[in-house]
N, C-alpha and C. Protein backbone atom coordinates (compact mmCIF):
# COMPACT_ATOMS: atom_id res chain seq x y z
N MET A 1 65.96 38.79 -31.19
CA MET A 1 63.58 39.35 -30.55
C MET A 1 64.38 40.97 -30.87
N THR A 2 63.28 41.48 -30.92
CA THR A 2 63.24 42.76 -30.32
C THR A 2 62.11 43.08 -30.35
N ILE A 3 62.55 44.47 -29.87
CA ILE A 3 61.43 45.15 -29.56
C ILE A 3 60.46 46.38 -30.55
N PRO A 4 59.10 45.92 -30.77
CA PRO A 4 57.98 45.81 -32.38
C PRO A 4 57.88 47.41 -31.56
N THR A 5 57.79 48.55 -32.97
CA THR A 5 57.64 49.70 -33.31
C THR A 5 56.36 49.94 -33.07
N LEU A 6 56.26 51.27 -33.30
CA LEU A 6 54.83 51.96 -33.54
C LEU A 6 54.72 51.58 -35.42
N ALA A 7 55.66 51.43 -35.24
CA ALA A 7 56.16 51.43 -37.35
C ALA A 7 55.28 49.74 -37.70
N ASP A 8 56.16 49.03 -37.04
CA ASP A 8 56.19 47.39 -37.00
C ASP A 8 54.28 47.30 -36.89
N TYR A 9 53.44 48.12 -35.34
CA TYR A 9 52.65 47.77 -35.58
C TYR A 9 51.26 47.93 -36.34
N MET A 10 51.74 48.97 -37.15
CA MET A 10 50.74 49.80 -37.95
C MET A 10 50.33 48.95 -38.96
N VAL A 11 52.12 48.77 -40.00
CA VAL A 11 51.56 47.38 -40.91
C VAL A 11 51.03 46.32 -40.55
N TYR A 12 51.35 45.51 -39.46
CA TYR A 12 51.23 44.11 -38.79
C TYR A 12 49.24 44.70 -38.03
N VAL A 13 48.46 45.52 -37.95
CA VAL A 13 47.04 46.10 -38.27
C VAL A 13 46.74 46.09 -39.89
N GLU A 14 47.33 46.83 -40.97
CA GLU A 14 47.60 46.98 -42.37
C GLU A 14 46.88 45.53 -42.84
N LYS A 15 47.92 44.60 -42.85
CA LYS A 15 48.30 43.17 -43.18
C LYS A 15 47.35 42.80 -42.64
N ARG A 16 46.79 42.28 -40.78
CA ARG A 16 45.77 42.04 -40.48
C ARG A 16 44.33 42.44 -41.28
N MET A 17 43.86 43.53 -41.97
CA MET A 17 42.90 44.33 -42.22
C MET A 17 43.28 43.45 -43.86
N GLU A 18 43.89 43.10 -44.48
CA GLU A 18 44.11 43.23 -45.84
C GLU A 18 43.69 41.63 -45.85
N ALA A 19 44.31 40.73 -44.70
CA ALA A 19 43.76 39.98 -45.65
C ALA A 19 42.69 39.39 -44.62
N ALA A 20 41.17 40.02 -44.32
CA ALA A 20 39.94 39.53 -44.09
C ALA A 20 38.73 40.23 -45.53
N CYS A 21 39.35 40.35 -46.25
CA CYS A 21 38.57 40.30 -47.28
C CYS A 21 37.97 39.28 -47.82
N GLY A 22 38.18 38.40 -47.49
CA GLY A 22 37.45 36.79 -47.52
C GLY A 22 37.32 36.86 -46.08
N GLU A 23 37.53 36.69 -44.84
CA GLU A 23 36.66 36.79 -44.30
C GLU A 23 37.43 37.38 -42.36
N MET A 24 36.68 37.95 -41.80
CA MET A 24 37.19 38.74 -41.20
C MET A 24 36.73 38.14 -39.92
N ASP A 25 38.23 37.78 -38.85
CA ASP A 25 37.77 36.83 -37.87
C ASP A 25 37.64 37.73 -36.30
N SER A 26 37.37 36.91 -35.80
CA SER A 26 36.29 37.53 -34.75
C SER A 26 36.87 38.62 -33.53
N ASP A 27 38.90 38.46 -33.71
CA ASP A 27 39.01 38.39 -33.14
C ASP A 27 39.13 40.21 -33.69
N LEU A 28 39.63 40.44 -34.65
CA LEU A 28 39.55 41.72 -35.67
C LEU A 28 38.54 41.84 -35.47
N ALA A 29 37.21 41.09 -35.40
CA ALA A 29 36.70 42.66 -35.55
C ALA A 29 36.16 43.32 -34.44
N THR A 30 36.35 42.07 -33.16
CA THR A 30 36.29 43.84 -31.21
C THR A 30 37.54 44.02 -31.80
N SER A 31 38.72 43.92 -31.40
CA SER A 31 39.19 45.07 -31.60
C SER A 31 39.17 46.36 -32.40
N LEU A 32 38.78 45.69 -34.19
CA LEU A 32 38.39 46.78 -34.92
C LEU A 32 36.43 48.19 -34.42
N SER A 33 35.82 46.75 -34.05
CA SER A 33 34.95 47.91 -33.23
C SER A 33 34.79 48.84 -31.90
N ALA A 34 36.21 48.35 -31.03
CA ALA A 34 36.73 48.56 -30.02
C ALA A 34 37.15 49.53 -30.73
N VAL A 35 37.85 49.83 -31.13
CA VAL A 35 38.49 51.41 -31.26
C VAL A 35 37.79 51.91 -32.32
N PHE A 36 36.65 51.35 -33.12
CA PHE A 36 36.19 52.86 -34.07
C PHE A 36 34.80 53.25 -32.83
N THR A 37 34.61 52.36 -31.95
CA THR A 37 33.52 53.07 -30.80
C THR A 37 33.58 53.96 -29.31
N THR A 38 35.29 53.58 -29.20
CA THR A 38 36.14 54.59 -28.54
C THR A 38 36.10 55.64 -27.83
N THR A 39 36.05 56.77 -26.69
CA THR A 39 36.09 57.00 -26.73
C THR A 39 36.79 58.44 -25.65
N ALA A 40 37.21 57.34 -25.63
CA ALA A 40 38.56 57.39 -24.89
C ALA A 40 39.21 58.45 -25.74
N VAL A 41 40.47 59.16 -25.23
CA VAL A 41 41.57 60.03 -26.16
C VAL A 41 43.09 60.36 -24.96
N SER A 42 43.92 59.48 -26.20
CA SER A 42 44.91 59.03 -25.54
C SER A 42 46.19 59.04 -25.87
N GLU A 43 47.44 58.91 -26.01
CA GLU A 43 47.93 58.86 -27.18
C GLU A 43 48.03 57.21 -28.24
N THR A 44 47.24 55.81 -27.69
CA THR A 44 46.75 55.10 -27.90
C THR A 44 46.46 54.12 -28.10
N ASP A 45 45.19 55.31 -28.35
CA ASP A 45 43.50 55.45 -29.20
C ASP A 45 44.04 56.45 -29.97
N LEU A 46 45.02 57.67 -30.14
CA LEU A 46 45.34 58.71 -31.43
C LEU A 46 46.05 57.53 -32.17
N PHE A 47 47.40 56.24 -32.43
CA PHE A 47 47.58 55.44 -32.39
C PHE A 47 46.90 54.71 -33.56
N ASN A 48 45.43 53.99 -32.92
CA ASN A 48 44.74 53.16 -32.73
C ASN A 48 43.29 53.80 -33.64
N PHE A 49 43.59 54.63 -34.22
CA PHE A 49 42.70 55.40 -35.15
C PHE A 49 44.12 55.04 -36.04
N ILE A 50 44.62 55.88 -36.52
CA ILE A 50 45.69 55.48 -37.28
C ILE A 50 45.65 54.66 -38.20
N ALA A 51 46.28 53.29 -37.90
CA ALA A 51 46.33 52.35 -38.05
C ALA A 51 45.26 51.60 -38.65
N TYR A 52 44.35 51.73 -37.44
CA TYR A 52 43.11 50.95 -37.91
C TYR A 52 42.07 51.78 -39.40
N GLY A 53 42.43 53.44 -39.05
CA GLY A 53 42.21 54.12 -40.27
C GLY A 53 42.72 53.38 -41.28
N HIS A 54 43.93 52.97 -41.28
CA HIS A 54 44.97 52.72 -43.07
C HIS A 54 44.42 51.15 -43.23
N GLY A 55 44.36 50.55 -42.04
CA GLY A 55 44.04 49.09 -42.24
C GLY A 55 42.82 48.92 -43.25
N CYS A 56 41.34 49.70 -43.03
CA CYS A 56 40.50 50.16 -43.32
C CYS A 56 40.40 50.42 -44.45
N HIS A 57 41.16 51.49 -45.41
CA HIS A 57 42.32 51.51 -46.64
C HIS A 57 42.31 50.36 -46.93
N ALA A 58 43.57 49.87 -46.39
CA ALA A 58 43.49 48.78 -47.37
C ALA A 58 43.05 47.15 -47.24
N LEU A 59 41.92 47.28 -46.27
CA LEU A 59 40.96 46.21 -46.67
C LEU A 59 39.71 47.35 -47.99
N ALA A 60 39.77 47.80 -47.76
CA ALA A 60 38.95 48.59 -48.74
C ALA A 60 39.54 47.98 -50.41
N GLU A 61 40.80 48.74 -50.30
CA GLU A 61 42.35 48.31 -51.87
C GLU A 61 41.87 46.77 -51.95
N ALA A 62 41.91 45.72 -51.69
CA ALA A 62 41.24 44.26 -51.29
C ALA A 62 39.93 44.55 -51.73
N PHE A 63 38.79 44.38 -51.22
CA PHE A 63 37.82 44.53 -51.76
C PHE A 63 36.65 44.90 -53.30
N ARG A 64 37.74 46.61 -53.26
CA ARG A 64 37.73 47.49 -54.72
C ARG A 64 38.34 45.98 -56.08
N GLU A 65 39.90 45.35 -55.72
CA GLU A 65 40.44 45.30 -56.44
C GLU A 65 39.47 43.66 -57.19
N ARG A 66 38.61 43.15 -56.04
CA ARG A 66 37.75 42.02 -56.51
C ARG A 66 36.89 42.16 -56.96
N GLY A 67 36.47 43.63 -56.68
CA GLY A 67 35.46 43.69 -57.65
C GLY A 67 33.86 44.25 -56.24
N ASP A 68 34.08 43.75 -54.93
CA ASP A 68 32.90 44.37 -54.33
C ASP A 68 32.53 45.60 -54.07
N ILE A 69 32.67 46.42 -54.84
CA ILE A 69 32.42 47.94 -54.51
C ILE A 69 31.34 48.10 -53.55
N SER A 70 30.38 47.62 -52.41
CA SER A 70 29.21 47.74 -51.92
C SER A 70 31.20 48.04 -50.29
N ASN A 71 31.36 47.11 -50.16
CA ASN A 71 32.28 47.06 -49.54
C ASN A 71 32.82 48.19 -49.31
N ALA A 72 33.56 47.75 -49.98
CA ALA A 72 34.93 48.64 -50.48
C ALA A 72 34.98 50.53 -49.32
N GLY A 73 33.30 50.61 -49.93
CA GLY A 73 32.79 51.89 -50.50
C GLY A 73 32.30 51.64 -48.76
N PHE A 74 32.04 50.72 -47.92
CA PHE A 74 31.71 50.78 -46.80
C PHE A 74 33.02 50.86 -45.33
N PHE A 75 34.23 50.52 -46.16
CA PHE A 75 35.74 50.37 -45.47
C PHE A 75 36.09 51.21 -45.26
N HIS A 76 36.32 52.26 -46.40
CA HIS A 76 37.26 53.77 -47.03
C HIS A 76 36.02 54.37 -46.29
N ALA A 77 35.06 54.48 -46.17
CA ALA A 77 34.15 55.31 -45.13
C ALA A 77 34.73 55.53 -43.66
N MET A 78 34.57 53.84 -43.60
CA MET A 78 35.35 53.32 -42.37
C MET A 78 36.68 53.80 -41.32
N GLY A 79 37.29 53.74 -42.38
CA GLY A 79 38.61 53.94 -42.23
C GLY A 79 38.98 56.00 -42.38
N GLN A 80 38.18 57.09 -43.23
CA GLN A 80 38.70 57.96 -43.54
C GLN A 80 37.20 58.47 -41.70
N ASP A 81 36.73 58.37 -41.60
CA ASP A 81 35.91 58.13 -40.36
C ASP A 81 37.11 58.15 -38.89
N LEU A 82 37.75 56.90 -39.33
CA LEU A 82 38.88 57.00 -38.12
C LEU A 82 40.13 57.62 -38.53
N LEU A 83 40.01 58.59 -39.60
CA LEU A 83 41.14 59.29 -39.68
C LEU A 83 40.14 60.67 -39.04
N GLY A 84 39.30 60.76 -39.26
CA GLY A 84 39.41 61.59 -38.96
C GLY A 84 38.75 61.56 -37.22
N LYS A 85 38.48 60.73 -35.83
CA LYS A 85 38.57 60.59 -35.09
C LYS A 85 39.96 60.91 -34.83
N ALA A 86 40.85 60.57 -35.44
CA ALA A 86 42.82 60.71 -34.80
C ALA A 86 42.35 62.37 -34.96
N ALA A 87 42.32 63.30 -35.87
CA ALA A 87 43.28 64.19 -35.50
C ALA A 87 42.18 65.19 -34.68
N ASN A 88 40.79 64.69 -34.94
CA ASN A 88 40.46 65.70 -32.61
C ASN A 88 40.99 64.79 -32.60
N ALA A 89 41.67 63.72 -31.90
CA ALA A 89 42.15 62.91 -31.24
C ALA A 89 43.60 63.82 -30.71
N LEU A 90 43.53 64.43 -31.56
CA LEU A 90 45.46 65.07 -31.56
C LEU A 90 44.89 65.76 -31.49
N ALA A 91 43.69 67.40 -31.81
CA ALA A 91 43.39 68.32 -31.31
C ALA A 91 43.33 68.23 -30.16
N ASP A 92 42.75 66.91 -28.86
CA ASP A 92 41.83 67.44 -27.54
C ASP A 92 43.66 67.25 -27.01
N LEU A 93 44.14 65.74 -27.51
CA LEU A 93 45.71 66.21 -27.10
C LEU A 93 46.64 67.42 -26.71
N MET A 94 47.31 67.83 -27.97
CA MET A 94 47.88 69.22 -28.02
C MET A 94 46.87 70.33 -26.55
N ALA A 95 45.03 70.22 -26.95
CA ALA A 95 44.37 71.34 -25.78
C ALA A 95 44.93 70.74 -24.52
N ILE A 96 45.08 69.72 -24.17
CA ILE A 96 45.31 69.09 -23.52
C ILE A 96 46.66 69.24 -22.58
N GLY A 97 47.83 69.07 -23.43
CA GLY A 97 49.22 69.47 -23.23
C GLY A 97 49.13 70.85 -23.37
N ILE A 98 48.24 71.92 -24.13
CA ILE A 98 48.84 72.95 -23.34
C ILE A 98 47.91 74.03 -21.83
N GLN A 99 46.63 72.88 -21.29
CA GLN A 99 46.82 73.20 -20.47
C GLN A 99 47.64 73.49 -19.33
N GLN A 100 48.11 71.66 -19.17
CA GLN A 100 48.53 71.37 -18.56
C GLN A 100 50.05 71.60 -18.31
N ALA A 101 50.42 72.84 -19.44
CA ALA A 101 51.43 73.43 -20.06
C ALA A 101 51.26 74.93 -18.23
N GLY A 102 50.13 75.21 -17.80
CA GLY A 102 50.15 76.17 -17.79
C GLY A 102 50.23 77.74 -19.36
N MET A 103 49.82 77.52 -20.77
CA MET A 103 50.03 78.45 -21.68
C MET A 103 48.79 79.36 -21.61
N ALA A 104 48.69 80.43 -22.52
CA ALA A 104 47.48 80.59 -22.11
C ALA A 104 47.24 80.84 -23.89
N ARG A 105 45.69 80.32 -23.99
CA ARG A 105 44.71 80.02 -25.13
C ARG A 105 44.60 81.47 -25.26
N HIS A 106 44.77 81.49 -27.05
CA HIS A 106 44.33 83.16 -27.70
C HIS A 106 43.20 82.07 -28.18
């Protein structure tokens, strides 16, 4: 047995999201909602934003292949928003790191 890597986690989330094209189970919906509405900024949050953002894009593509353009557009937009949150979280983490290191910001 091996310890899952962050890449393994990302693949797991993407596959789980993609499989939700038929019907999303309540655990996945709760996890997605928690990631989407979080205001915290940590390394875990950053990775969840990226993993669930990619998962939303995978789900959007699955809906697009079925001809469900409305849901495809919704999940694509949600994925874009999550990737935007990831960029903001990265910037916040970098700023925190600079401040903690005592470096001068210009």
